[in-house]
Protein backbone atom coordinates (compact mmCIF):
# COMPACT_ATOMS: atom_id res chain seq x y z
CA UNK A 1 -0.10 -0.13 0.40
CA UNK A 2 2.70 2.41 -0.17
CA UNK A 3 2.51 5.08 -2.52
CA UNK A 4 6.40 5.93 -2.43
CA UNK A 5 7.62 3.76 -1.95
CA UNK A 6 2.73 -21.35 -11.11
CA UNK A 7 2.50 -22.95 -13.51
CA UNK A 8 -0.01 -26.29 -13.30
CA UNK A 9 0.89 -29.38 -11.63
CA UNK A 10 -2.49 -30.57 -11.83
CA UNK A 11 -4.99 -30.58 -14.41
CA UNK A 12 -7.86 -28.12 -11.60
CA UNK A 13 -11.29 -27.68 -12.97
CA UNK A 14 -10.15 -28.24 -16.94
CA UNK A 15 -11.32 -25.34 -18.38
CA UNK A 16 -9.20 -23.22 -16.26
CA UNK A 17 -6.15 -25.46 -15.49
CA UNK A 18 -5.85 -27.36 -18.66
CA UNK A 19 -3.73 -24.94 -20.62
CA UNK A 20 -0.40 -26.30 -21.59
CA UNK A 21 0.83 -22.42 -21.59
CA UNK A 22 1.96 -22.70 -18.05
CA UNK A 23 4.98 -25.24 -17.52
CA UNK A 24 5.17 -26.91 -14.58
CA UNK A 25 7.22 -25.79 -11.19
CA UNK A 26 8.09 -23.29 -9.71
CA UNK A 27 6.60 -20.00 -9.66
CA UNK A 28 7.84 -18.09 -13.21
CA UNK A 29 7.34 -14.70 -12.74
CA UNK A 30 10.13 -13.91 -9.86
CA UNK A 31 11.10 -10.27 -9.54
CA UNK A 32 10.37 -6.52 -8.45
CA UNK A 33 8.37 -3.31 -9.02
CA UNK A 34 10.94 -0.68 -10.24
CA UNK A 35 9.23 2.96 -8.56
CA UNK A 36 9.51 5.82 -10.16
CA UNK A 37 7.03 6.68 -12.86
CA UNK A 38 4.31 6.80 -10.99
CA UNK A 39 6.07 9.70 -8.73
CA UNK A 40 4.41 13.33 -8.51
CA UNK A 41 1.15 14.74 -10.12
CA UNK A 42 -0.13 15.46 -13.74
CA UNK A 43 1.92 18.36 -15.41
CA UNK A 44 5.08 17.26 -13.91
CA UNK A 45 8.43 17.51 -15.56
CA UNK A 46 10.46 13.83 -16.42
CA UNK A 47 13.76 13.58 -15.31
CA UNK A 48 12.32 16.44 -12.60
CA UNK A 49 10.15 14.72 -10.43
CA UNK A 50 9.65 11.39 -12.04
CA UNK A 51 11.72 8.90 -13.45
CA UNK A 52 11.26 5.64 -15.22
CA UNK A 53 14.27 2.94 -14.39
CA UNK A 54 17.64 2.86 -16.12
CA UNK A 55 19.40 0.27 -18.31
CA UNK A 56 22.03 0.10 -15.78
CA UNK A 57 19.16 -0.65 -13.32
CA UNK A 58 16.93 -2.99 -15.28
CA UNK A 59 20.36 -5.14 -16.31
CA UNK A 60 21.36 -5.35 -12.68
CA UNK A 61 17.73 -7.08 -11.65
CA UNK A 62 18.22 -9.63 -14.48
CA UNK A 63 22.10 -10.88 -13.47
CA UNK A 64 20.35 -10.97 -10.12
CA UNK A 65 17.99 -13.38 -11.92
CA UNK A 66 14.93 -12.00 -11.70
CA UNK A 67 12.47 -12.79 -14.27
CA UNK A 68 9.38 -10.16 -14.00
CA UNK A 69 9.48 -6.00 -13.69
CA UNK A 70 6.36 -4.83 -12.20
CA UNK A 71 6.59 -0.69 -13.66
CA UNK A 72 4.40 1.63 -12.42
CA UNK A 73 3.23 4.76 -14.10
CA UNK A 74 0.55 7.16 -13.82
CA UNK A 75 -2.99 7.06 -15.68
CA UNK A 76 -3.20 10.70 -15.93
CA UNK A 77 -0.21 11.33 -17.39
CA UNK A 78 -0.32 8.45 -20.14
CA UNK A 79 -3.85 9.87 -20.82
CA UNK A 80 -4.19 13.30 -19.79
CA UNK A 81 -8.06 13.55 -20.93
CA UNK A 82 -10.10 10.77 -20.33
CA UNK A 83 -11.43 8.99 -23.86
CA UNK A 84 -8.46 10.72 -25.79
CA UNK A 85 -5.60 9.83 -27.06
CA UNK A 86 -2.22 8.97 -24.99
CA UNK A 87 0.25 11.19 -24.75
CA UNK A 88 2.68 10.47 -27.24
CA UNK A 89 5.90 11.59 -25.12
CA UNK A 90 4.98 9.86 -22.00
CA UNK A 91 4.18 6.30 -24.08
CA UNK A 92 7.62 6.69 -25.77
CA UNK A 93 9.06 6.63 -22.18
CA UNK A 94 6.63 3.73 -21.49
CA UNK A 95 7.55 1.56 -24.59
CA UNK A 96 11.41 2.37 -24.30
CA UNK A 97 11.37 1.21 -20.71
CA UNK A 98 9.59 -1.44 -21.71
CA UNK A 99 12.25 -2.48 -24.71
CA UNK A 100 14.96 -2.20 -22.26
CA UNK A 101 13.27 -4.72 -19.55
CA UNK A 102 12.56 -7.26 -22.73
CA UNK A 103 16.46 -7.13 -23.87
CA UNK A 104 17.68 -8.06 -20.80
CA UNK A 105 15.14 -10.99 -21.25
CA UNK A 106 12.23 -10.33 -18.37
CA UNK A 107 8.54 -9.85 -18.55
CA UNK A 108 7.01 -6.89 -17.80
CA UNK A 109 3.94 -5.92 -15.94
CA UNK A 110 1.86 -2.46 -17.02
CA UNK A 111 0.74 -0.82 -13.53
CA UNK A 112 -1.12 2.12 -13.63
CA UNK A 113 0.15 3.04 -10.27
CA UNK A 114 -3.59 5.25 -9.16
CA UNK A 115 -5.48 3.12 -6.61
CA UNK A 116 -8.78 3.32 -8.13
CA UNK A 117 -8.72 6.76 -9.13
CA UNK A 118 -8.09 9.40 -11.82
CA UNK A 119 -7.44 12.47 -10.72
CA UNK A 120 -9.87 12.66 -7.60
CA UNK A 121 -12.65 10.96 -9.58
CA UNK A 122 -12.73 7.19 -8.32
CA UNK A 123 -13.05 4.10 -11.37
CA UNK A 124 -16.85 3.90 -11.73
CA UNK A 125 -18.05 7.88 -11.19
CA UNK A 126 -17.74 10.28 -13.01
CA UNK A 127 -15.77 11.27 -15.51
CA UNK A 128 -13.56 8.32 -15.07
CA UNK A 129 -16.92 5.89 -15.75
CA UNK A 130 -16.35 2.22 -16.57
CA UNK A 131 -16.85 2.84 -19.79
CA UNK A 132 -13.49 5.58 -19.29
CA UNK A 133 -11.43 2.77 -17.90
CA UNK A 134 -12.67 0.32 -20.77
CA UNK A 135 -11.57 2.85 -22.94
CA UNK A 136 -7.78 3.58 -21.32
CA UNK A 137 -7.35 0.01 -21.51
CA UNK A 138 -8.52 -0.78 -25.06
CA UNK A 139 -5.71 1.96 -26.29
CA UNK A 140 -2.79 0.81 -24.39
CA UNK A 141 -3.90 -2.74 -24.65
CA UNK A 142 -3.64 -2.53 -28.59
CA UNK A 143 -0.27 -1.09 -28.93
CA UNK A 144 1.04 -3.98 -26.70
CA UNK A 145 -1.22 -6.53 -27.61
CA UNK A 146 0.24 -10.29 -28.20
CA UNK A 147 3.86 -8.29 -27.01
CA UNK A 148 5.56 -11.54 -25.72
CA UNK A 149 6.74 -11.15 -22.16
CA UNK A 150 4.29 -8.01 -21.55
CA UNK A 151 1.57 -8.71 -19.00
CA UNK A 152 -1.35 -6.31 -17.86
CA UNK A 153 -1.97 -5.12 -13.85
CA UNK A 154 -5.55 -3.43 -14.33
CA UNK A 155 -5.38 -1.17 -11.35
CA UNK A 156 -3.11 -1.19 -8.69
CA UNK A 157 -5.00 -0.84 -5.23
CA UNK A 158 -8.15 0.29 -5.57
CA UNK A 159 -9.51 1.19 -2.26
CA UNK A 160 -12.76 2.81 -0.96
CA UNK A 161 -14.40 1.35 -3.97
CA UNK A 162 -16.95 -1.33 -3.35
CA UNK A 163 -16.07 -4.99 -4.53
CA UNK A 164 -19.49 -5.47 -6.35
CA UNK A 165 -18.54 -1.70 -8.22
CA UNK A 166 -14.87 -2.61 -9.03
CA UNK A 167 -15.99 -5.74 -10.47
CA UNK A 168 -17.63 -3.85 -12.89
CA UNK A 169 -15.17 -2.09 -13.82
CA UNK A 170 -12.76 -4.48 -14.11
CA UNK A 171 -15.02 -6.70 -16.52
CA UNK A 172 -15.03 -3.74 -18.64
CA UNK A 173 -11.80 -3.49 -18.47
CA UNK A 174 -11.01 -6.84 -19.79
CA UNK A 175 -13.88 -7.07 -22.29
CA UNK A 176 -11.86 -4.04 -23.86
CA UNK A 177 -9.21 -5.41 -23.86
CA UNK A 178 -10.01 -8.58 -25.47
CA UNK A 179 -12.42 -6.84 -27.93
CA UNK A 180 -8.78 -5.16 -29.79
CA UNK A 181 -7.39 -8.60 -29.88
CA UNK A 182 -5.07 -8.47 -27.40
CA UNK A 183 -4.39 -12.09 -25.89
CA UNK A 184 -1.75 -10.71 -22.74
CA UNK A 185 -2.27 -12.21 -19.49
CA UNK A 186 -4.57 -10.00 -17.27
CA UNK A 187 -3.54 -9.22 -13.61
CA UNK A 188 -7.43 -8.41 -11.79
CA UNK A 189 -6.89 -6.82 -7.96
CA UNK A 190 -9.59 -6.69 -5.85
CA UNK A 191 -10.77 -3.41 -3.72
CA UNK A 192 -9.32 -2.74 -0.28
CA UNK A 193 -5.86 -2.15 -1.33
CA UNK A 194 -6.22 -6.04 -2.99
CA UNK A 195 -4.77 -6.95 0.80
CA UNK A 196 -4.32 -10.61 1.20
CA UNK A 197 -4.89 -10.64 4.77
CA UNK A 198 -8.24 -9.13 4.04
CA UNK A 199 -9.06 -10.91 0.76
CA UNK A 200 -11.98 -13.22 2.67
CA UNK A 201 -13.15 -10.40 4.82
CA UNK A 202 -16.38 -8.34 3.78
CA UNK A 203 -14.55 -4.81 3.78
CA UNK A 204 -16.39 -3.13 1.41
CA UNK A 205 -19.71 -3.84 -0.47
CA UNK A 206 -18.68 -7.82 -0.06
CA UNK A 207 -15.34 -9.79 0.21
CA UNK A 208 -12.70 -9.83 -2.42
CA UNK A 209 -12.95 -13.98 -2.20
CA UNK A 210 -16.47 -13.62 -3.60
CA UNK A 211 -17.70 -10.91 -5.48
CA UNK A 212 -14.27 -11.25 -7.68
CA UNK A 213 -15.20 -14.57 -8.72
CA UNK A 214 -17.42 -13.00 -10.79
CA UNK A 215 -14.66 -11.97 -13.00
CA UNK A 216 -15.42 -12.98 -16.67
CA UNK A 217 -12.43 -13.03 -19.62
CA UNK A 218 -13.51 -14.80 -23.10
CA UNK A 219 -9.85 -15.97 -22.71
CA UNK A 220 -9.90 -17.28 -19.05
CA UNK A 221 -7.07 -15.85 -18.83
CA UNK A 222 -5.74 -13.65 -16.06
CA UNK A 223 -4.78 -13.92 -12.15
CA UNK A 224 -6.03 -12.21 -9.04
CA UNK A 225 -3.14 -9.74 -7.76
CA UNK A 226 -2.79 -9.43 -3.80
CA UNK A 227 -0.73 -7.49 -1.82
CA UNK A 228 0.84 -8.28 1.46
CA UNK A 229 3.29 -6.53 3.76
CA UNK A 230 4.89 -7.83 6.85
CA UNK A 231 4.18 -4.85 9.50
CA UNK A 232 1.82 -4.30 11.82
CA UNK A 233 -1.34 -3.59 10.29
CA UNK A 234 -0.08 -4.86 6.53
CA UNK A 235 0.11 -1.19 5.30
CA UNK A 236 4.06 -1.54 4.40
CA UNK A 237 4.72 1.86 5.96
CA UNK A 238 6.97 0.24 9.20
CA UNK A 239 10.54 -1.35 9.42
CA UNK A 240 9.26 -3.58 11.55
CA UNK A 241 7.66 -6.77 11.06
CA UNK A 242 5.04 -7.49 13.90
CA UNK A 243 2.66 -8.60 11.44
CA UNK A 244 4.96 -11.04 9.78
CA UNK A 245 3.25 -14.37 10.99
CA UNK A 246 -0.37 -13.18 10.25
CA UNK A 247 1.48 -12.17 6.57
CA UNK A 248 2.44 -15.68 6.32
CA UNK A 249 -0.75 -17.17 7.66
CA UNK A 250 -2.59 -14.60 4.84
CA UNK A 251 -0.47 -15.95 1.68
CA UNK A 252 -1.22 -19.65 3.54
CA UNK A 253 -5.13 -18.31 3.15
CA UNK A 254 -4.78 -17.28 -0.55
CA UNK A 255 -2.85 -19.99 -1.65
CA UNK A 256 -6.45 -22.19 -0.03
CA UNK A 257 -8.81 -20.16 -1.57
CA UNK A 258 -6.99 -19.85 -5.06
CA UNK A 259 -6.90 -23.97 -5.00
CA UNK A 260 -10.08 -24.71 -3.88
CA UNK A 261 -11.62 -22.03 -6.51
CA UNK A 262 -9.36 -23.45 -9.14
CA UNK A 263 -7.62 -20.33 -9.89
CA UNK A 264 -4.12 -18.61 -10.33
CA UNK A 265 -2.66 -15.62 -8.24
CA UNK A 266 0.09 -13.32 -8.10
CA UNK A 267 1.86 -11.13 -5.27
CA UNK A 268 2.49 -7.91 -7.08
CA UNK A 269 3.52 -6.07 -3.99
CA UNK A 270 4.74 -7.28 -0.17
CA UNK A 271 8.00 -6.38 1.13
CA UNK A 272 10.18 -5.93 4.30
CA UNK A 273 13.23 -4.70 5.94
CA UNK A 274 16.39 -6.31 6.62
CA UNK A 275 14.80 -6.38 10.48
CA UNK A 276 15.38 -10.63 11.54
CA UNK A 277 10.84 -11.20 12.04
CA UNK A 278 11.02 -9.57 8.16
CA UNK A 279 13.75 -11.73 6.68
CA UNK A 280 12.24 -14.53 8.41
CA UNK A 281 8.49 -13.83 6.93
CA UNK A 282 9.85 -13.08 3.86
CA UNK A 283 11.46 -16.49 3.63
CA UNK A 284 8.20 -18.13 4.89
CA UNK A 285 5.99 -16.34 1.63
CA UNK A 286 8.52 -17.66 -0.83
CA UNK A 287 8.52 -21.23 0.51
CA UNK A 288 4.66 -21.28 0.87
CA UNK A 289 4.36 -19.69 -3.10
CA UNK A 290 7.37 -22.09 -4.22
CA UNK A 291 5.62 -24.94 -2.61
CA UNK A 292 2.19 -24.20 -4.17
CA UNK A 293 3.36 -23.11 -7.75
CA UNK A 294 -0.09 -24.69 -8.98
CA UNK A 295 -1.58 -21.74 -7.90
CA UNK A 296 1.02 -19.21 -7.80
CA UNK A 297 2.04 -17.75 -11.03
CA UNK A 298 4.97 -16.06 -9.04
CA UNK A 299 5.85 -12.21 -6.90
CA UNK A 300 7.17 -8.91 -7.62
CA UNK A 301 9.16 -7.25 -4.50
CA UNK A 302 8.40 -3.97 -3.63
CA UNK A 303 10.61 -2.24 -3.75
CA UNK A 304 13.62 -0.53 -6.15
CA UNK A 305 13.94 2.38 -8.60
CA UNK A 306 15.84 5.47 -9.46
CA UNK A 307 15.52 7.71 -6.61
CA UNK A 308 14.70 5.73 -3.80
CA UNK A 309 16.81 7.04 -0.72
CA UNK A 310 18.98 4.41 0.53
CA UNK A 311 18.15 4.64 4.64
CA UNK A 312 14.60 3.40 2.81
CA UNK A 313 14.37 0.29 4.80
CA UNK A 314 12.39 -1.95 1.84
CA UNK A 315 14.93 -0.64 -0.94
CA UNK A 316 17.16 -3.39 -3.06
CA UNK A 317 18.06 -0.57 -5.43
CA UNK A 318 21.61 -1.28 -5.73
CA UNK A 319 23.59 1.71 -4.87
CA UNK A 320 26.93 2.13 -3.50
CA UNK A 321 27.09 -0.18 -0.21
CA UNK A 322 26.94 -3.60 0.00
CA UNK A 323 23.90 -5.83 -1.63
CA UNK A 324 20.43 -5.56 0.60
CA UNK A 325 19.88 -8.61 2.70
CA UNK A 326 16.34 -8.97 1.05
CA UNK A 327 18.33 -8.81 -1.97
CA UNK A 328 20.27 -11.93 -1.30
CA UNK A 329 17.57 -13.65 -0.35
CA UNK A 330 15.16 -12.62 -3.47
CA UNK A 331 18.40 -13.95 -5.29
CA UNK A 332 18.79 -17.24 -3.53
CA UNK A 333 14.72 -18.08 -3.83
CA UNK A 334 15.18 -17.24 -7.57
CA UNK A 335 18.33 -19.80 -8.00
CA UNK A 336 16.13 -22.20 -5.87
CA UNK A 337 12.92 -21.99 -8.36
CA UNK A 338 12.56 -22.60 -12.60
CA UNK A 339 9.89 -22.52 -14.72
CA UNK A 340 8.80 -20.55 -17.59
CA UNK A 341 5.36 -18.98 -18.12
CA UNK A 342 4.07 -16.91 -21.26
CA UNK A 343 2.41 -14.21 -21.06
CA UNK A 344 0.37 -14.14 -24.19
CA UNK A 345 -2.14 -17.21 -24.71
CA UNK A 346 -1.12 -18.71 -28.26
CA UNK A 347 -4.35 -18.95 -30.40
CA UNK A 348 -6.49 -22.17 -30.15
CA UNK A 349 -5.73 -22.71 -26.82
């Protein structure tokens, strides 16, 4: 929730799990969020108020064995007017960054990091109607339609919106993505910050674990994105991890939900400091996902990025000092895992 900050082993519910596009093994998507493109507000100056990752940073994480980069950006900067064209300069920056990530052999998860809002308008309300949200995704999806290694994350951490209303918006966006011919993998969050710890609780307008089963994708090629931090209130705003045990239990709970409902999941944000409780919790979360790769496609740690301060407890951005303990843990987890996913569903499957 920080604002600055697998593949299938068994044929489960044949229609969903029979697709050959996910190889058996450990979670195939293992990476980090490269933060910076979502900084500041509309009208911000590139290179002064916000930034996308450099090739050097991207290469560092590729060399550490990461297989995916979650790339945050601001919806308002990419589409300055609802229903209007994408901004050419901003789209070029994103397109070039995607190219750098793909050049290093990693997948990229596109992430409109807007928390369910366009400026101050909540998705589903005028002027940010479901139709406007769908229009945005149609315009973005057609630009990356069927590009190998490009995944679509519908929205970062929607909140304060009823689960039923968010479901309507998500389904509108999915329909629009498929209507332009894009067969890319779609990651669908829930409301209430898409927290794993509250996935089956009625936080606002129904539980995600109940309402979001209403996701409808003509290609049946999607996964649920959840987030989970290890601090006392699952917010990711504390350096210590009094909530580590609860976080591990939350991931176990979502794992059981995914299996019970024959769905797939992706842990889009999680993180902790080098505190021993944090490191222990992170290790257990990795183990849970690796042991249940039939339902977990992978994870992306929060976070790194060009402008992260050196004293930020969660930071794994390479700097002049020694490698962060969390980065060593991430790299070790990658070495223990093996697998390959495809981000675009082959025609006929």
